[in-house]
Amino acid sequence: MTWTLYPIAQFAEHAAQWDALVQSSPGTPFLESAFLQPALAIFGTGEETLCLHQTSGQLDAAAIVQRGPKGMWQTFQPSQLPLGAWISAPGVDLATAGAALVADLPGLTLGLGITQLDPRFHTRPADTTTLRTQDYIATAWVDIEGTFDVYWEARGKNLRQNTRKQRNKLQAEGTTTRLECITTAADVAQTMADYGALESAGWKTAEGTAIHPDNAQGKFYQQMLENFCTQGRGRIYRYWFGDKVVAMDLCIQDDTAIIILKTTYDESYKQVSPSTLMRQDEFQQLFDEAKFQRIEFYGKVMEWHTRWTSNSRDIYHANVYRHGLVLGMLNLRNTLLAPAKDE
């Protein structure tokens, strides 16, 4: 395999064939240019490299990589991107493609880290003298099969009882609930301002991770969601208690899956779990709509995920090295640096 390398400034020129390759294996709309271009503009350095591989004139593997320390390269991986910027057609062997790219990257290249790979699209290879894989996180999803009533009845007793109690409490207080789905690009800016107001009032502000219209996170999500809504593939769910927004989900979709990228809620209503009530109504709509095969979370499985599904799979990293000697030296270094065990 031989790769062709381009400066990342030329990504737009190759976006159409990049997107066609992504869409040939549905389920990862966040790897399309509508997501990656604003991510590169806001979180990239401008020094990234676009790598394309063709067989018989057809693109069958592609990646965006950046130079790392000590002769290593890594796929472009801002925290907002659920998987690393590596795509390939079914049947392309990850180890072979990775080794070929390591050989074609410029300068002293000892290896390549391919981050956050999904085994749904890239079969996890066995470790060899030049390749090592490592668990990253387990992620969860919901299969949209049958009716919502059957799905809901299969949820745990606690979830069903708690949501019923919370709805009864709100009804007793005269509070009406409403789920709204925003899909128009012109509405994204104001909706993201609502999202920022909710998240900035919570614990994420103290950690410096809250989305706000004026920070990099806010600008990225606004631009990205405008891109997807323009294509009819973005959704922002807002959940209302009366005339107040209390929870929101940011989502994108392709023909088979809807991805919940971010969730926030009004912490002053924590006792009635507005995000849980929103998700119940949201999932019911998605089951009734019957447009998608699955709902993907693409985040580390948390306790609350397990209330909604028992499905999970392991996302992994792969490191491909130029020579077995490189891996041997790294293993030796790690052994020498490891703390001595007590006798």
C-alpha atoms as a PDB file:
ATOM      1  CA  MET A   1       0.000   0.000   0.000  1.00  0.00           C
ATOM      2  CA  THR A   2       1.199   3.495  -0.859  1.00  0.00           C
ATOM      3  CA  TRP A   3      -0.340   6.596   0.674  1.00  0.00           C
ATOM      4  CA  THR A   4      -0.524  10.099  -0.792  1.00  0.00           C
ATOM      5  CA  LEU A   5       0.017  12.922   1.688  1.00  0.00           C
ATOM      6  CA  TYR A   6      -1.395  16.447   1.532  1.00  0.00           C
ATOM      7  CA  PRO A   7      -1.234  19.492   3.818  1.00  0.00           C
ATOM      8  CA  ILE A   8      -4.461  19.770   5.806  1.00  0.00           C
ATOM      9  CA  ALA A   9      -5.233  23.061   4.051  1.00  0.00           C
ATOM     10  CA  GLN A  10      -6.245  20.914   1.051  1.00  0.00           C
ATOM     11  CA  PHE A  11      -8.807  18.884   3.002  1.00  0.00           C
ATOM     12  CA  ALA A  12     -11.759  20.731   1.433  1.00  0.00           C
ATOM     13  CA  GLU A  13     -10.573  19.663  -2.032  1.00  0.00           C
ATOM     14  CA  HIS A  14     -10.853  15.997  -1.009  1.00  0.00           C
ATOM     15  CA  ALA A  15     -13.886  16.294   1.287  1.00  0.00           C
ATOM     16  CA  ALA A  16     -16.338  14.740  -1.186  1.00  0.00           C
ATOM     17  CA  GLN A  17     -14.407  11.484  -1.567  1.00  0.00           C
ATOM     18  CA  TRP A  18     -13.605  11.464   2.168  1.00  0.00           C
ATOM     19  CA  ASP A  19     -17.325  11.731   2.955  1.00  0.00           C
ATOM     20  CA  ALA A  20     -18.199   9.030   0.426  1.00  0.00           C
ATOM     21  CA  LEU A  21     -15.804   6.645   2.191  1.00  0.00           C
ATOM     22  CA  VAL A  22     -17.286   7.482   5.611  1.00  0.00           C
ATOM     23  CA  GLN A  23     -20.817   6.972   4.331  1.00  0.00           C
ATOM     24  CA  SER A  24     -19.931   3.576   2.849  1.00  0.00           C
ATOM     25  CA  SER A  25     -19.918   2.267   6.430  1.00  0.00           C
ATOM     26  CA  PRO A  26     -22.857   4.132   8.041  1.00  0.00           C
ATOM     27  CA  GLY A  27     -22.881   4.988  11.722  1.00  0.00           C
ATOM     28  CA  THR A  28     -20.140   7.604  12.145  1.00  0.00           C
ATOM     29  CA  PRO A  29     -21.435  10.954  10.875  1.00  0.00           C
ATOM     30  CA  PHE A  30     -18.938  12.742  13.142  1.00  0.00           C
ATOM     31  CA  LEU A  31     -16.136  11.529  10.845  1.00  0.00           C
ATOM     32  CA  GLU A  32     -17.601  13.463   7.913  1.00  0.00           C
ATOM     33  CA  SER A  33     -16.206  16.794   6.773  1.00  0.00           C
ATOM     34  CA  ALA A  34     -19.209  18.662   8.218  1.00  0.00           C
ATOM     35  CA  PHE A  35     -17.818  17.753  11.645  1.00  0.00           C
ATOM     36  CA  LEU A  36     -14.086  17.627  10.940  1.00  0.00           C
ATOM     37  CA  GLN A  37     -13.705  20.950   9.135  1.00  0.00           C
ATOM     38  CA  PRO A  38     -14.885  23.097  12.075  1.00  0.00           C
ATOM     39  CA  ALA A  39     -12.954  20.819  14.449  1.00  0.00           C
ATOM     40  CA  LEU A  40      -9.763  21.368  12.463  1.00  0.00           C
ATOM     41  CA  ALA A  41     -10.385  25.117  12.207  1.00  0.00           C
ATOM     42  CA  ILE A  42     -10.947  25.530  15.947  1.00  0.00           C
ATOM     43  CA  PHE A  43      -8.920  22.770  17.610  1.00  0.00           C
ATOM     44  CA  GLY A  44      -6.309  21.995  14.975  1.00  0.00           C
ATOM     45  CA  THR A  45      -2.843  23.519  14.619  1.00  0.00           C
ATOM     46  CA  GLY A  46      -2.826  23.791  10.833  1.00  0.00           C
ATOM     47  CA  GLU A  47       0.142  21.397  10.770  1.00  0.00           C
ATOM     48  CA  GLU A  48      -1.969  18.246  10.391  1.00  0.00           C
ATOM     49  CA  THR A  49      -1.473  15.988   7.375  1.00  0.00           C
ATOM     50  CA  LEU A  50      -4.217  14.487   5.212  1.00  0.00           C
ATOM     51  CA  CYS A  51      -3.376  10.923   4.166  1.00  0.00           C
ATOM     52  CA  LEU A  52      -5.263   9.173   1.345  1.00  0.00           C
ATOM     53  CA  HIS A  53      -4.905   5.675  -0.074  1.00  0.00           C
ATOM     54  CA  GLN A  54      -6.510   4.520  -3.306  1.00  0.00           C
ATOM     55  CA  THR A  55      -6.855   1.119  -4.920  1.00  0.00           C
ATOM     56  CA  SER A  56      -7.699   1.099  -8.617  1.00  0.00           C
ATOM     57  CA  GLY A  57      -8.547   4.793  -8.422  1.00  0.00           C
ATOM     58  CA  GLN A  58     -10.974   4.310  -5.517  1.00  0.00           C
ATOM     59  CA  LEU A  59     -10.325   5.785  -2.084  1.00  0.00           C
ATOM     60  CA  ASP A  60     -10.311   2.916   0.422  1.00  0.00           C
ATOM     61  CA  ALA A  61      -8.440   4.366   3.413  1.00  0.00           C
ATOM     62  CA  ALA A  62      -7.887   7.874   4.760  1.00  0.00           C
ATOM     63  CA  ALA A  63      -6.603   9.578   7.882  1.00  0.00           C
ATOM     64  CA  ILE A  64      -5.739  12.932   9.366  1.00  0.00           C
ATOM     65  CA  VAL A  65      -2.550  12.724  11.430  1.00  0.00           C
ATOM     66  CA  GLN A  66      -0.306  15.041  13.373  1.00  0.00           C
ATOM     67  CA  ARG A  67       3.297  14.747  14.437  1.00  0.00           C
ATOM     68  CA  GLY A  68       3.891  13.812  18.065  1.00  0.00           C
ATOM     69  CA  PRO A  69       7.001  13.561  20.237  1.00  0.00           C
ATOM     70  CA  LYS A  70       9.948  11.213  19.747  1.00  0.00           C
ATOM     71  CA  GLY A  71       9.261  10.141  16.199  1.00  0.00           C
ATOM     72  CA  MET A  72       5.621   9.188  16.764  1.00  0.00           C
ATOM     73  CA  TRP A  73       2.562  10.388  14.849  1.00  0.00           C
ATOM     74  CA  GLN A  74      -1.058  10.269  15.967  1.00  0.00           C
ATOM     75  CA  THR A  75      -4.475  10.584  14.389  1.00  0.00           C
ATOM     76  CA  PHE A  76      -6.230  13.916  14.869  1.00  0.00           C
ATOM     77  CA  GLN A  77      -8.162  13.509  18.121  1.00  0.00           C
ATOM     78  CA  PRO A  78      -9.706  16.532  19.826  1.00  0.00           C
ATOM     79  CA  SER A  79     -11.853  15.578  22.800  1.00  0.00           C
ATOM     80  CA  GLN A  80     -15.011  16.551  20.901  1.00  0.00           C
ATOM     81  CA  LEU A  81     -14.399  13.825  18.268  1.00  0.00           C
ATOM     82  CA  PRO A  82     -15.731  10.431  19.442  1.00  0.00           C
ATOM     83  CA  LEU A  83     -13.329   8.372  17.289  1.00  0.00           C
ATOM     84  CA  GLY A  84      -9.930   9.079  15.775  1.00  0.00           C
ATOM     85  CA  ALA A  85      -9.737  10.555  12.268  1.00  0.00           C
ATOM     86  CA  TRP A  86      -9.093   7.219  10.552  1.00  0.00           C
ATOM     87  CA  ILE A  87     -11.490   5.657   8.035  1.00  0.00           C
ATOM     88  CA  SER A  88     -11.224   2.650   5.763  1.00  0.00           C
ATOM     89  CA  ALA A  89     -13.399   0.508   3.550  1.00  0.00           C
ATOM     90  CA  PRO A  90     -14.555  -2.915   4.739  1.00  0.00           C
ATOM     91  CA  GLY A  91     -11.839  -5.462   4.045  1.00  0.00           C
ATOM     92  CA  VAL A  92      -8.908  -3.066   4.499  1.00  0.00           C
ATOM     93  CA  ASP A  93      -6.583  -4.578   7.085  1.00  0.00           C
ATOM     94  CA  LEU A  94      -5.793  -2.075   9.840  1.00  0.00           C
ATOM     95  CA  ALA A  95      -2.329  -3.447  10.580  1.00  0.00           C
ATOM     96  CA  THR A  96      -1.297  -3.489   6.919  1.00  0.00           C
ATOM     97  CA  ALA A  97      -2.670  -0.011   6.214  1.00  0.00           C
ATOM     98  CA  GLY A  98      -1.100   1.388   9.381  1.00  0.00           C
ATOM     99  CA  ALA A  99       2.315  -0.108   8.624  1.00  0.00           C
ATOM    100  CA  ALA A 100       2.211   1.291   5.084  1.00  0.00           C
ATOM    101  CA  LEU A 101       1.381   4.769   6.385  1.00  0.00           C
ATOM    102  CA  VAL A 102       4.213   4.626   8.936  1.00  0.00           C
ATOM    103  CA  ALA A 103       6.587   3.866   6.034  1.00  0.00           C
ATOM    104  CA  ASP A 104       5.246   6.790   3.991  1.00  0.00           C
ATOM    105  CA  LEU A 105       5.174   9.499   6.674  1.00  0.00           C
ATOM    106  CA  PRO A 106       8.031  12.017   6.371  1.00  0.00           C
ATOM    107  CA  GLY A 107      11.059  12.380   8.595  1.00  0.00           C
ATOM    108  CA  LEU A 108      12.147   9.990  11.312  1.00  0.00           C
ATOM    109  CA  THR A 109       8.911   8.116  11.914  1.00  0.00           C
ATOM    110  CA  LEU A 110       9.060   5.352  14.497  1.00  0.00           C
ATOM    111  CA  GLY A 111       5.355   4.687  14.752  1.00  0.00           C
ATOM    112  CA  LEU A 112       1.743   5.834  14.526  1.00  0.00           C
ATOM    113  CA  GLY A 113      -0.934   5.942  17.207  1.00  0.00           C
ATOM    114  CA  ILE A 114      -4.391   5.284  15.734  1.00  0.00           C
ATOM    115  CA  THR A 115      -6.717   6.462  18.473  1.00  0.00           C
ATOM    116  CA  GLN A 116     -10.231   5.518  19.561  1.00  0.00           C
ATOM    117  CA  LEU A 117     -11.089   2.802  17.065  1.00  0.00           C
ATOM    118  CA  ASP A 118     -14.533   1.191  17.016  1.00  0.00           C
ATOM    119  CA  PRO A 119     -14.523  -2.607  16.549  1.00  0.00           C
ATOM    120  CA  ARG A 120     -17.811  -2.266  14.625  1.00  0.00           C
ATOM    121  CA  PHE A 121     -15.791  -0.774  11.767  1.00  0.00           C
ATOM    122  CA  HIS A 122     -12.221  -1.908  12.445  1.00  0.00           C
ATOM    123  CA  THR A 123     -11.752  -5.466  13.648  1.00  0.00           C
ATOM    124  CA  ARG A 124      -9.316  -5.385  16.525  1.00  0.00           C
ATOM    125  CA  PRO A 125      -6.060  -6.943  15.294  1.00  0.00           C
ATOM    126  CA  ALA A 126      -3.942  -9.336  17.320  1.00  0.00           C
ATOM    127  CA  ASP A 127      -0.781  -7.933  18.871  1.00  0.00           C
ATOM    128  CA  THR A 128       2.405  -8.566  16.890  1.00  0.00           C
ATOM    129  CA  THR A 129       6.050  -7.529  17.145  1.00  0.00           C
ATOM    130  CA  THR A 130       5.128  -4.214  15.460  1.00  0.00           C
ATOM    131  CA  LEU A 131       1.569  -3.598  16.670  1.00  0.00           C
ATOM    132  CA  ARG A 132      -0.045  -3.233  20.060  1.00  0.00           C
ATOM    133  CA  THR A 133      -3.674  -2.438  20.921  1.00  0.00           C
ATOM    134  CA  GLN A 134      -4.969  -1.003  24.177  1.00  0.00           C
ATOM    135  CA  ASP A 135      -8.440  -0.687  25.667  1.00  0.00           C
ATOM    136  CA  TYR A 136      -9.753   2.879  25.761  1.00  0.00           C
ATOM    137  CA  ILE A 137     -13.338   2.890  27.062  1.00  0.00           C
ATOM    138  CA  ALA A 138     -16.495   0.826  26.903  1.00  0.00           C
ATOM    139  CA  THR A 139     -19.324   2.645  25.127  1.00  0.00           C
ATOM    140  CA  ALA A 140     -23.053   1.930  25.087  1.00  0.00           C
ATOM    141  CA  TRP A 141     -25.848   2.011  22.535  1.00  0.00           C
ATOM    142  CA  VAL A 142     -29.576   1.327  22.265  1.00  0.00           C
ATOM    143  CA  ASP A 143     -30.982  -0.836  19.489  1.00  0.00           C
ATOM    144  CA  ILE A 144     -34.219   0.595  18.078  1.00  0.00           C
ATOM    145  CA  GLU A 145     -36.224  -2.584  17.623  1.00  0.00           C
ATOM    146  CA  GLY A 146     -39.937  -3.142  18.061  1.00  0.00           C
ATOM    147  CA  THR A 147     -42.080  -0.733  20.045  1.00  0.00           C
ATOM    148  CA  PHE A 148     -41.097   1.709  22.733  1.00  0.00           C
ATOM    149  CA  ASP A 149     -43.552   0.087  25.161  1.00  0.00           C
ATOM    150  CA  VAL A 150     -41.714  -3.237  24.897  1.00  0.00           C
ATOM    151  CA  TYR A 151     -38.342  -1.477  25.261  1.00  0.00           C
ATOM    152  CA  TRP A 152     -39.543   0.530  28.259  1.00  0.00           C
ATOM    153  CA  GLU A 153     -41.004  -2.520  29.996  1.00  0.00           C
ATOM    154  CA  ALA A 154     -37.577  -4.161  29.749  1.00  0.00           C
ATOM    155  CA  ARG A 155     -35.937  -1.284  31.651  1.00  0.00           C
ATOM    156  CA  GLY A 156     -35.234  -1.690  35.339  1.00  0.00           C
ATOM    157  CA  LYS A 157     -38.025  -1.300  37.847  1.00  0.00           C
ATOM    158  CA  ASN A 158     -36.276   1.620  39.558  1.00  0.00           C
ATOM    159  CA  LEU A 159     -36.020   3.674  36.367  1.00  0.00           C
ATOM    160  CA  ARG A 160     -39.679   3.136  35.502  1.00  0.00           C
ATOM    161  CA  GLN A 161     -40.893   3.878  39.034  1.00  0.00           C
ATOM    162  CA  ASN A 162     -38.692   6.947  39.461  1.00  0.00           C
ATOM    163  CA  THR A 163     -39.771   8.547  36.196  1.00  0.00           C
ATOM    164  CA  ARG A 164     -43.413   7.920  37.092  1.00  0.00           C
ATOM    165  CA  LYS A 165     -42.940   9.526  40.529  1.00  0.00           C
ATOM    166  CA  GLN A 166     -41.147  12.519  39.011  1.00  0.00           C
ATOM    167  CA  ARG A 167     -43.909  13.068  36.466  1.00  0.00           C
ATOM    168  CA  ASN A 168     -46.580  12.749  39.178  1.00  0.00           C
ATOM    169  CA  LYS A 169     -44.728  15.326  41.287  1.00  0.00           C
ATOM    170  CA  LEU A 170     -44.532  17.783  38.400  1.00  0.00           C
ATOM    171  CA  GLN A 171     -48.191  17.241  37.561  1.00  0.00           C
ATOM    172  CA  ALA A 172     -49.195  17.833  41.175  1.00  0.00           C
ATOM    173  CA  GLU A 173     -47.262  21.120  41.083  1.00  0.00           C
ATOM    174  CA  GLY A 174     -49.006  22.134  37.847  1.00  0.00           C
ATOM    175  CA  THR A 175     -45.802  21.935  35.793  1.00  0.00           C
ATOM    176  CA  THR A 176     -46.260  20.891  32.175  1.00  0.00           C
ATOM    177  CA  THR A 177     -43.428  19.177  30.286  1.00  0.00           C
ATOM    178  CA  ARG A 178     -42.653  19.475  26.589  1.00  0.00           C
ATOM    179  CA  LEU A 179     -40.015  18.050  24.260  1.00  0.00           C
ATOM    180  CA  GLU A 180     -38.924  20.221  21.338  1.00  0.00           C
ATOM    181  CA  CYS A 181     -36.658  19.163  18.457  1.00  0.00           C
ATOM    182  CA  ILE A 182     -34.769  21.909  16.602  1.00  0.00           C
ATOM    183  CA  THR A 183     -33.532  20.941  13.141  1.00  0.00           C
ATOM    184  CA  THR A 184     -33.185  24.284  11.311  1.00  0.00           C
ATOM    185  CA  ALA A 185     -29.743  25.802  10.858  1.00  0.00           C
ATOM    186  CA  ALA A 186     -31.060  29.332  11.428  1.00  0.00           C
ATOM    187  CA  ASP A 187     -32.177  28.333  14.935  1.00  0.00           C
ATOM    188  CA  VAL A 188     -28.881  26.790  16.022  1.00  0.00           C
ATOM    189  CA  ALA A 189     -27.215  29.984  17.310  1.00  0.00           C
ATOM    190  CA  GLN A 190     -30.035  30.877  19.722  1.00  0.00           C
ATOM    191  CA  THR A 191     -30.464  27.255  20.771  1.00  0.00           C
ATOM    192  CA  MET A 192     -26.760  26.954  21.536  1.00  0.00           C
ATOM    193  CA  ALA A 193     -27.012  30.117  23.615  1.00  0.00           C
ATOM    194  CA  ASP A 194     -29.687  28.310  25.646  1.00  0.00           C
ATOM    195  CA  TYR A 195     -27.389  25.300  25.951  1.00  0.00           C
ATOM    196  CA  GLY A 196     -24.505  27.492  27.091  1.00  0.00           C
ATOM    197  CA  ALA A 197     -26.673  29.189  29.712  1.00  0.00           C
ATOM    198  CA  LEU A 198     -27.633  25.809  31.184  1.00  0.00           C
ATOM    199  CA  GLU A 199     -24.145  24.346  31.155  1.00  0.00           C
ATOM    200  CA  SER A 200     -22.403  27.513  32.342  1.00  0.00           C
ATOM    201  CA  ALA A 201     -24.602  27.527  35.435  1.00  0.00           C
ATOM    202  CA  GLY A 202     -23.466  24.025  36.416  1.00  0.00           C
ATOM    203  CA  TRP A 203     -20.372  22.224  37.655  1.00  0.00           C
ATOM    204  CA  LYS A 204     -18.644  22.239  34.246  1.00  0.00           C
ATOM    205  CA  THR A 205     -17.959  25.966  34.590  1.00  0.00           C
ATOM    206  CA  ALA A 206     -15.768  25.322  37.623  1.00  0.00           C
ATOM    207  CA  GLU A 207     -13.807  22.732  35.614  1.00  0.00           C
ATOM    208  CA  GLY A 208     -13.527  25.025  32.590  1.00  0.00           C
ATOM    209  CA  THR A 209     -15.289  22.556  30.263  1.00  0.00           C
ATOM    210  CA  ALA A 210     -18.657  24.274  29.876  1.00  0.00           C
ATOM    211  CA  ILE A 211     -19.916  25.191  26.408  1.00  0.00           C
ATOM    212  CA  HIS A 212     -20.505  28.917  25.933  1.00  0.00           C
ATOM    213  CA  PRO A 213     -21.234  30.775  22.668  1.00  0.00           C
ATOM    214  CA  ASP A 214     -18.046  32.822  23.099  1.00  0.00           C
ATOM    215  CA  ASN A 215     -15.584  30.002  23.813  1.00  0.00           C
ATOM    216  CA  ALA A 216     -13.973  27.503  21.433  1.00  0.00           C
ATOM    217  CA  GLN A 217     -16.341  24.713  22.448  1.00  0.00           C
ATOM    218  CA  GLY A 218     -19.397  26.835  21.788  1.00  0.00           C
ATOM    219  CA  LYS A 219     -18.124  28.084  18.435  1.00  0.00           C
ATOM    220  CA  PHE A 220     -17.320  24.544  17.330  1.00  0.00           C
ATOM    221  CA  TYR A 221     -20.684  23.044  18.277  1.00  0.00           C
ATOM    222  CA  GLN A 222     -22.553  25.930  16.676  1.00  0.00           C
ATOM    223  CA  GLN A 223     -20.666  25.687  13.373  1.00  0.00           C
ATOM    224  CA  MET A 224     -20.833  21.896  13.304  1.00  0.00           C
ATOM    225  CA  LEU A 225     -24.553  21.725  14.103  1.00  0.00           C
ATOM    226  CA  GLU A 226     -25.318  24.410  11.531  1.00  0.00           C
ATOM    227  CA  ASN A 227     -23.507  22.231   8.972  1.00  0.00           C
ATOM    228  CA  PHE A 228     -25.538  19.151   9.880  1.00  0.00           C
ATOM    229  CA  CYS A 229     -28.857  20.999  10.170  1.00  0.00           C
ATOM    230  CA  THR A 230     -28.273  22.492   6.720  1.00  0.00           C
ATOM    231  CA  GLN A 231     -28.072  18.883   5.478  1.00  0.00           C
ATOM    232  CA  GLY A 232     -31.171  17.898   7.472  1.00  0.00           C
ATOM    233  CA  ARG A 233     -29.065  15.717   9.786  1.00  0.00           C
ATOM    234  CA  GLY A 234     -28.751  17.717  12.992  1.00  0.00           C
ATOM    235  CA  ARG A 235     -31.076  17.707  15.992  1.00  0.00           C
ATOM    236  CA  ILE A 236     -31.081  19.732  19.184  1.00  0.00           C
ATOM    237  CA  TYR A 237     -33.595  18.505  21.736  1.00  0.00           C
ATOM    238  CA  ARG A 238     -34.856  20.998  24.303  1.00  0.00           C
ATOM    239  CA  TYR A 239     -36.938  19.898  27.264  1.00  0.00           C
ATOM    240  CA  TRP A 240     -39.231  22.404  28.923  1.00  0.00           C
ATOM    241  CA  PHE A 241     -40.817  22.670  32.336  1.00  0.00           C
ATOM    242  CA  GLY A 242     -43.514  25.236  31.616  1.00  0.00           C
ATOM    243  CA  ASP A 243     -41.748  28.161  29.951  1.00  0.00           C
ATOM    244  CA  LYS A 244     -38.243  27.186  31.112  1.00  0.00           C
ATOM    245  CA  VAL A 245     -35.671  25.042  29.313  1.00  0.00           C
ATOM    246  CA  VAL A 246     -34.349  22.457  31.800  1.00  0.00           C
ATOM    247  CA  ALA A 247     -32.442  19.908  29.674  1.00  0.00           C
ATOM    248  CA  MET A 248     -30.901  19.617  26.208  1.00  0.00           C
ATOM    249  CA  ASP A 249     -29.296  17.028  23.915  1.00  0.00           C
ATOM    250  CA  LEU A 250     -27.039  17.815  20.941  1.00  0.00           C
ATOM    251  CA  CYS A 251     -27.334  15.143  18.235  1.00  0.00           C
ATOM    252  CA  ILE A 252     -26.252  14.359  14.683  1.00  0.00           C
ATOM    253  CA  GLN A 253     -27.360  11.513  12.458  1.00  0.00           C
ATOM    254  CA  ASP A 254     -26.872   9.528   9.298  1.00  0.00           C
ATOM    255  CA  ASP A 255     -29.111   6.954   7.658  1.00  0.00           C
ATOM    256  CA  THR A 256     -28.681   4.314  10.381  1.00  0.00           C
ATOM    257  CA  ALA A 257     -27.786   5.970  13.684  1.00  0.00           C
ATOM    258  CA  ILE A 258     -28.404   9.049  15.784  1.00  0.00           C
ATOM    259  CA  ILE A 259     -25.487  10.098  17.975  1.00  0.00           C
ATOM    260  CA  ILE A 260     -26.041  11.927  21.280  1.00  0.00           C
ATOM    261  CA  LEU A 261     -22.932  14.105  21.452  1.00  0.00           C
ATOM    262  CA  LYS A 262     -23.641  16.261  24.503  1.00  0.00           C
ATOM    263  CA  THR A 263     -26.249  16.536  27.251  1.00  0.00           C
ATOM    264  CA  THR A 264     -26.866  19.233  29.830  1.00  0.00           C
ATOM    265  CA  TYR A 265     -29.584  20.059  32.340  1.00  0.00           C
ATOM    266  CA  ASP A 266     -30.601  22.656  34.897  1.00  0.00           C
ATOM    267  CA  GLU A 267     -29.023  21.505  38.146  1.00  0.00           C
ATOM    268  CA  SER A 268     -31.591  23.416  40.207  1.00  0.00           C
ATOM    269  CA  TYR A 269     -34.123  20.767  39.105  1.00  0.00           C
ATOM    270  CA  LYS A 270     -31.833  17.854  39.860  1.00  0.00           C
ATOM    271  CA  GLN A 271     -34.345  16.258  42.253  1.00  0.00           C
ATOM    272  CA  VAL A 272     -36.755  15.560  39.382  1.00  0.00           C
ATOM    273  CA  SER A 273     -34.075  14.420  36.879  1.00  0.00           C
ATOM    274  CA  PRO A 274     -35.029  16.545  33.847  1.00  0.00           C
ATOM    275  CA  SER A 275     -32.483  14.837  31.592  1.00  0.00           C
ATOM    276  CA  THR A 276     -34.013  11.435  32.413  1.00  0.00           C
ATOM    277  CA  LEU A 277     -37.518  12.657  31.612  1.00  0.00           C
ATOM    278  CA  MET A 278     -36.247  14.245  28.410  1.00  0.00           C
ATOM    279  CA  ARG A 279     -34.566  11.018  27.367  1.00  0.00           C
ATOM    280  CA  GLN A 280     -37.704   8.978  27.981  1.00  0.00           C
ATOM    281  CA  ASP A 281     -39.745  11.257  25.704  1.00  0.00           C
ATOM    282  CA  GLU A 282     -36.906  11.520  23.196  1.00  0.00           C
ATOM    283  CA  PHE A 283     -36.446   7.755  22.939  1.00  0.00           C
ATOM    284  CA  GLN A 284     -40.193   7.241  22.589  1.00  0.00           C
ATOM    285  CA  GLN A 285     -40.197   9.619  19.619  1.00  0.00           C
ATOM    286  CA  LEU A 286     -37.218   7.819  18.062  1.00  0.00           C
ATOM    287  CA  PHE A 287     -38.866   4.414  18.458  1.00  0.00           C
ATOM    288  CA  ASP A 288     -42.130   5.751  17.001  1.00  0.00           C
ATOM    289  CA  GLU A 289     -40.248   7.411  14.151  1.00  0.00           C
ATOM    290  CA  ALA A 290     -38.485   4.094  13.312  1.00  0.00           C
ATOM    291  CA  LYS A 291     -35.954   5.920  11.130  1.00  0.00           C
ATOM    292  CA  PHE A 292     -32.769   4.713  12.804  1.00  0.00           C
ATOM    293  CA  GLN A 293     -31.395   1.338  13.792  1.00  0.00           C
ATOM    294  CA  ARG A 294     -29.579   2.518  16.907  1.00  0.00           C
ATOM    295  CA  ILE A 295     -28.957   5.350  19.340  1.00  0.00           C
ATOM    296  CA  GLU A 296     -25.238   5.790  20.067  1.00  0.00           C
ATOM    297  CA  PHE A 297     -23.726   7.447  23.145  1.00  0.00           C
ATOM    298  CA  TYR A 298     -20.015   7.223  22.197  1.00  0.00           C
ATOM    299  CA  GLY A 299     -18.848   8.076  25.693  1.00  0.00           C
ATOM    300  CA  LYS A 300     -17.543   6.094  28.632  1.00  0.00           C
ATOM    301  CA  VAL A 301     -20.259   3.830  30.021  1.00  0.00           C
ATOM    302  CA  MET A 302     -21.624   5.432  33.178  1.00  0.00           C
ATOM    303  CA  GLU A 303     -24.082   4.043  35.690  1.00  0.00           C
ATOM    304  CA  TRP A 304     -26.930   6.010  34.113  1.00  0.00           C
ATOM    305  CA  HIS A 305     -26.226   4.435  30.714  1.00  0.00           C
ATOM    306  CA  THR A 306     -26.892   0.994  32.167  1.00  0.00           C
ATOM    307  CA  ARG A 307     -30.435   2.050  33.068  1.00  0.00           C
ATOM    308  CA  TRP A 308     -31.178   2.553  29.374  1.00  0.00           C
ATOM    309  CA  THR A 309     -29.313  -0.376  27.828  1.00  0.00           C
ATOM    310  CA  SER A 310     -27.263  -3.461  28.580  1.00  0.00           C
ATOM    311  CA  ASN A 311     -25.316  -3.111  25.308  1.00  0.00           C
ATOM    312  CA  SER A 312     -21.657  -2.102  25.378  1.00  0.00           C
ATOM    313  CA  ARG A 313     -18.465  -2.609  23.385  1.00  0.00           C
ATOM    314  CA  ASP A 314     -14.814  -1.643  23.884  1.00  0.00           C
ATOM    315  CA  ILE A 315     -13.273   1.227  21.946  1.00  0.00           C
ATOM    316  CA  TYR A 316      -9.514   0.720  21.560  1.00  0.00           C
ATOM    317  CA  HIS A 317      -6.252   2.375  20.511  1.00  0.00           C
ATOM    318  CA  ALA A 318      -3.716   0.809  18.139  1.00  0.00           C
ATOM    319  CA  ASN A 319      -0.023   1.667  17.982  1.00  0.00           C
ATOM    320  CA  VAL A 320       1.822   0.623  14.827  1.00  0.00           C
ATOM    321  CA  TYR A 321       5.646   0.672  14.908  1.00  0.00           C
ATOM    322  CA  ARG A 322       8.122   0.785  12.035  1.00  0.00           C
ATOM    323  CA  HIS A 323      10.238  -2.069  13.428  1.00  0.00           C
ATOM    324  CA  GLY A 324       9.873  -4.669  16.126  1.00  0.00           C
ATOM    325  CA  LEU A 325      13.022  -3.191  17.647  1.00  0.00           C
ATOM    326  CA  VAL A 326      11.115   0.027  18.444  1.00  0.00           C
ATOM    327  CA  LEU A 327       8.504  -1.860  20.445  1.00  0.00           C
ATOM    328  CA  GLY A 328      11.218  -3.885  22.156  1.00  0.00           C
ATOM    329  CA  MET A 329      13.029  -0.716  23.231  1.00  0.00           C
ATOM    330  CA  LEU A 330       9.781   0.804  24.520  1.00  0.00           C
ATOM    331  CA  ASN A 331       9.045  -2.339  26.528  1.00  0.00           C
ATOM    332  CA  LEU A 332      12.573  -2.284  27.963  1.00  0.00           C
ATOM    333  CA  ARG A 333      12.227   1.378  28.919  1.00  0.00           C
ATOM    334  CA  ASN A 334       8.902   0.729  30.633  1.00  0.00           C
ATOM    335  CA  THR A 335      10.430  -2.172  32.529  1.00  0.00           C
ATOM    336  CA  LEU A 336      13.365  -0.066  33.700  1.00  0.00           C
ATOM    337  CA  LEU A 337      11.084   2.826  34.739  1.00  0.00           C
ATOM    338  CA  ALA A 338       8.568   0.625  36.527  1.00  0.00           C
ATOM    339  CA  PRO A 339       8.655   0.954  40.328  1.00  0.00           C
ATOM    340  CA  ALA A 340      10.398  -1.904  42.047  1.00  0.00           C
ATOM    341  CA  LYS A 341       8.106  -4.406  43.748  1.00  0.00           C
ATOM    342  CA  ASP A 342       8.519  -5.040  47.422  1.00  0.00           C
ATOM    343  CA  GLU A 343      10.259  -8.297  48.211  1.00  0.00           C
END
